[in-house]
N, C-alpha and C. Protein backbone atom coordinates (compact mmCIF):
# COMPACT_ATOMS: atom_id res chain seq x y z
N MET A 1 8.92 9.95 -5.87
CA MET A 1 8.12 9.16 -4.94
C MET A 1 8.13 7.71 -5.41
N THR A 2 8.44 6.82 -4.52
CA THR A 2 8.52 5.41 -4.90
C THR A 2 7.12 4.80 -5.06
N GLY A 3 7.10 3.66 -5.69
CA GLY A 3 5.83 2.97 -5.88
C GLY A 3 5.16 2.60 -4.57
N ALA A 4 5.96 2.25 -3.56
CA ALA A 4 5.39 1.89 -2.26
C ALA A 4 4.74 3.10 -1.60
N ILE A 5 5.38 4.24 -1.70
CA ILE A 5 4.81 5.46 -1.13
C ILE A 5 3.56 5.85 -1.90
N LYS A 6 3.60 5.72 -3.21
CA LYS A 6 2.41 6.02 -4.01
C LYS A 6 1.27 5.08 -3.64
N PHE A 7 1.60 3.81 -3.35
CA PHE A 7 0.58 2.86 -2.94
C PHE A 7 -0.06 3.31 -1.64
N ARG A 8 0.77 3.68 -0.68
CA ARG A 8 0.26 4.12 0.63
C ARG A 8 -0.63 5.35 0.45
N GLU A 9 -0.22 6.27 -0.43
CA GLU A 9 -1.02 7.46 -0.68
C GLU A 9 -2.36 7.08 -1.33
N ALA A 10 -2.32 6.14 -2.26
CA ALA A 10 -3.56 5.69 -2.92
C ALA A 10 -4.53 5.09 -1.91
N VAL A 11 -3.99 4.30 -0.98
CA VAL A 11 -4.84 3.70 0.05
C VAL A 11 -5.44 4.80 0.93
N HIS A 12 -4.60 5.75 1.33
CA HIS A 12 -5.07 6.85 2.17
C HIS A 12 -6.20 7.62 1.48
N LEU A 13 -6.00 7.97 0.21
CA LEU A 13 -7.02 8.72 -0.52
C LEU A 13 -8.28 7.89 -0.74
N ALA A 14 -8.12 6.60 -0.99
CA ALA A 14 -9.28 5.72 -1.17
C ALA A 14 -10.14 5.70 0.09
N HIS A 15 -9.47 5.64 1.25
CA HIS A 15 -10.21 5.67 2.50
C HIS A 15 -10.82 7.05 2.77
N LYS A 16 -10.05 8.07 2.54
CA LYS A 16 -10.50 9.43 2.83
C LYS A 16 -11.75 9.80 2.03
N TYR A 17 -11.73 9.45 0.75
CA TYR A 17 -12.84 9.83 -0.13
C TYR A 17 -13.80 8.67 -0.45
N ASN A 18 -13.54 7.51 0.19
CA ASN A 18 -14.35 6.32 -0.06
C ASN A 18 -14.48 6.07 -1.56
N ASP A 19 -13.33 6.06 -2.23
CA ASP A 19 -13.29 5.95 -3.68
C ASP A 19 -12.16 5.01 -4.09
N ILE A 20 -12.51 3.83 -4.56
CA ILE A 20 -11.48 2.83 -4.88
C ILE A 20 -10.69 3.15 -6.14
N SER A 21 -11.10 4.16 -6.87
CA SER A 21 -10.40 4.48 -8.13
C SER A 21 -8.94 4.84 -7.87
N TYR A 22 -8.60 5.34 -6.69
CA TYR A 22 -7.21 5.67 -6.38
C TYR A 22 -6.35 4.40 -6.39
N MET A 23 -6.89 3.33 -5.82
CA MET A 23 -6.15 2.07 -5.80
C MET A 23 -6.12 1.45 -7.20
N ASP A 24 -7.20 1.61 -7.95
CA ASP A 24 -7.24 1.10 -9.33
C ASP A 24 -6.19 1.81 -10.18
N THR A 25 -6.06 3.12 -10.00
CA THR A 25 -5.08 3.90 -10.75
C THR A 25 -3.67 3.43 -10.42
N TRP A 26 -3.41 3.20 -9.13
CA TRP A 26 -2.08 2.72 -8.73
C TRP A 26 -1.79 1.37 -9.39
N ARG A 27 -2.76 0.47 -9.34
CA ARG A 27 -2.58 -0.87 -9.93
C ARG A 27 -2.29 -0.77 -11.42
N ASP A 28 -2.96 0.15 -12.11
CA ASP A 28 -2.72 0.32 -13.54
C ASP A 28 -1.33 0.89 -13.82
N GLU A 29 -0.84 1.74 -12.91
CA GLU A 29 0.49 2.34 -13.07
C GLU A 29 1.61 1.36 -12.75
N TYR A 30 1.33 0.40 -11.87
CA TYR A 30 2.34 -0.59 -11.45
C TYR A 30 1.83 -2.01 -11.70
N PRO A 31 1.59 -2.39 -12.97
CA PRO A 31 1.04 -3.72 -13.25
C PRO A 31 1.99 -4.85 -12.87
N ASN A 32 3.27 -4.55 -12.75
CA ASN A 32 4.25 -5.57 -12.38
C ASN A 32 4.58 -5.57 -10.90
N GLY A 33 3.76 -4.87 -10.11
CA GLY A 33 3.97 -4.84 -8.67
C GLY A 33 5.19 -4.02 -8.29
N LEU A 34 5.77 -4.38 -7.16
CA LEU A 34 6.93 -3.68 -6.62
C LEU A 34 8.06 -4.66 -6.39
N VAL A 35 9.26 -4.14 -6.26
CA VAL A 35 10.42 -4.95 -5.94
C VAL A 35 10.92 -4.48 -4.57
N ASP A 36 11.08 -5.44 -3.64
CA ASP A 36 11.53 -5.07 -2.31
C ASP A 36 13.05 -4.98 -2.25
N VAL A 37 13.57 -4.72 -1.05
CA VAL A 37 15.01 -4.52 -0.89
C VAL A 37 15.82 -5.78 -1.20
N ASN A 38 15.16 -6.94 -1.21
CA ASN A 38 15.83 -8.20 -1.54
C ASN A 38 15.65 -8.57 -3.00
N ASP A 39 15.22 -7.60 -3.81
CA ASP A 39 14.96 -7.80 -5.24
C ASP A 39 13.88 -8.84 -5.51
N GLU A 40 12.96 -9.00 -4.57
CA GLU A 40 11.85 -9.91 -4.77
C GLU A 40 10.61 -9.10 -5.13
N ARG A 41 9.88 -9.56 -6.13
CA ARG A 41 8.68 -8.87 -6.60
C ARG A 41 7.49 -9.25 -5.72
N PHE A 42 6.67 -8.26 -5.40
CA PHE A 42 5.44 -8.53 -4.67
C PHE A 42 4.34 -7.60 -5.17
N PHE A 43 3.12 -8.00 -4.89
CA PHE A 43 1.96 -7.27 -5.37
C PHE A 43 1.09 -6.88 -4.17
N PRO A 44 1.08 -5.60 -3.81
CA PRO A 44 0.23 -5.17 -2.69
C PRO A 44 -1.24 -5.45 -3.01
N ILE A 45 -2.03 -5.59 -1.97
CA ILE A 45 -3.46 -5.82 -2.12
C ILE A 45 -4.10 -4.54 -2.62
N THR A 46 -4.70 -4.59 -3.80
CA THR A 46 -5.32 -3.38 -4.36
C THR A 46 -6.85 -3.45 -4.36
N ASP A 47 -7.39 -4.54 -3.82
CA ASP A 47 -8.83 -4.62 -3.63
C ASP A 47 -9.16 -3.93 -2.30
N PHE A 48 -10.00 -2.91 -2.35
CA PHE A 48 -10.29 -2.06 -1.19
C PHE A 48 -10.72 -2.88 0.04
N ASP A 49 -11.72 -3.74 -0.12
CA ASP A 49 -12.23 -4.52 1.01
C ASP A 49 -11.19 -5.52 1.52
N ALA A 50 -10.49 -6.17 0.59
CA ALA A 50 -9.46 -7.13 1.00
C ALA A 50 -8.34 -6.43 1.76
N TYR A 51 -7.98 -5.21 1.32
CA TYR A 51 -6.95 -4.44 2.02
C TYR A 51 -7.41 -4.13 3.44
N ASP A 52 -8.64 -3.64 3.57
CA ASP A 52 -9.17 -3.33 4.91
C ASP A 52 -9.17 -4.55 5.81
N ASN A 53 -9.61 -5.68 5.26
CA ASN A 53 -9.65 -6.91 6.06
C ASN A 53 -8.25 -7.34 6.49
N ALA A 54 -7.30 -7.25 5.59
CA ALA A 54 -5.92 -7.63 5.91
C ALA A 54 -5.34 -6.70 6.97
N TRP A 55 -5.56 -5.39 6.80
CA TRP A 55 -5.03 -4.40 7.75
C TRP A 55 -5.64 -4.61 9.14
N ASP A 56 -6.96 -4.82 9.16
CA ASP A 56 -7.66 -4.99 10.44
C ASP A 56 -7.24 -6.27 11.15
N SER A 57 -6.81 -7.28 10.40
CA SER A 57 -6.43 -8.55 11.02
C SER A 57 -5.00 -8.51 11.59
N MET A 58 -4.23 -7.47 11.25
CA MET A 58 -2.85 -7.36 11.76
C MET A 58 -2.85 -6.88 13.21
N THR A 59 -1.81 -7.26 13.90
CA THR A 59 -1.64 -6.74 15.26
C THR A 59 -1.22 -5.27 15.18
N GLN A 60 -1.41 -4.57 16.27
CA GLN A 60 -1.02 -3.15 16.31
C GLN A 60 0.47 -2.98 16.04
N SER A 61 1.29 -3.87 16.58
CA SER A 61 2.74 -3.74 16.38
C SER A 61 3.11 -3.95 14.90
N THR A 62 2.43 -4.84 14.23
CA THR A 62 2.69 -5.05 12.80
C THR A 62 2.31 -3.81 12.00
N ARG A 63 1.15 -3.23 12.30
CA ARG A 63 0.73 -2.01 11.60
C ARG A 63 1.73 -0.88 11.85
N GLU A 64 2.22 -0.77 13.07
CA GLU A 64 3.21 0.27 13.39
C GLU A 64 4.51 0.05 12.62
N GLU A 65 4.93 -1.20 12.48
CA GLU A 65 6.16 -1.51 11.74
C GLU A 65 6.00 -1.14 10.26
N ILE A 66 4.86 -1.43 9.70
CA ILE A 66 4.60 -1.07 8.30
C ILE A 66 4.63 0.45 8.15
N ASP A 67 3.96 1.16 9.04
CA ASP A 67 3.96 2.62 8.99
C ASP A 67 5.37 3.18 9.11
N LYS A 68 6.17 2.57 9.97
CA LYS A 68 7.56 3.02 10.16
C LYS A 68 8.37 2.85 8.87
N ARG A 69 8.19 1.72 8.19
CA ARG A 69 8.93 1.49 6.94
C ARG A 69 8.56 2.51 5.89
N TYR A 70 7.28 2.85 5.78
CA TYR A 70 6.86 3.85 4.79
C TYR A 70 7.43 5.23 5.14
N GLU A 71 7.44 5.56 6.43
CA GLU A 71 8.01 6.84 6.85
C GLU A 71 9.49 6.91 6.50
N GLU A 72 10.21 5.81 6.70
CA GLU A 72 11.65 5.79 6.39
C GLU A 72 11.91 5.98 4.91
N GLU A 73 11.00 5.51 4.07
CA GLU A 73 11.17 5.68 2.63
C GLU A 73 11.07 7.16 2.22
N LEU A 74 10.36 7.94 3.01
CA LEU A 74 10.19 9.35 2.69
C LEU A 74 11.44 10.17 2.96
N VAL A 75 12.34 9.64 3.77
CA VAL A 75 13.55 10.37 4.15
C VAL A 75 14.51 10.44 2.97
């Protein structure tokens, strides 16, 4: 399972159980963030409230595109 998929799972579990420790655990496991397909390093938002605010501010099409990318990684 890639770091991006683990991140998505941590976010899902954090929301499901209202427990930010899942995101904290992910951040501790990936202190150097992730590397995208262009070999650029990035750091997903691991603050629970900041993540929610960022997600809620996105358009529906942007959220769908993100979900699609995570699904493709599972293949």
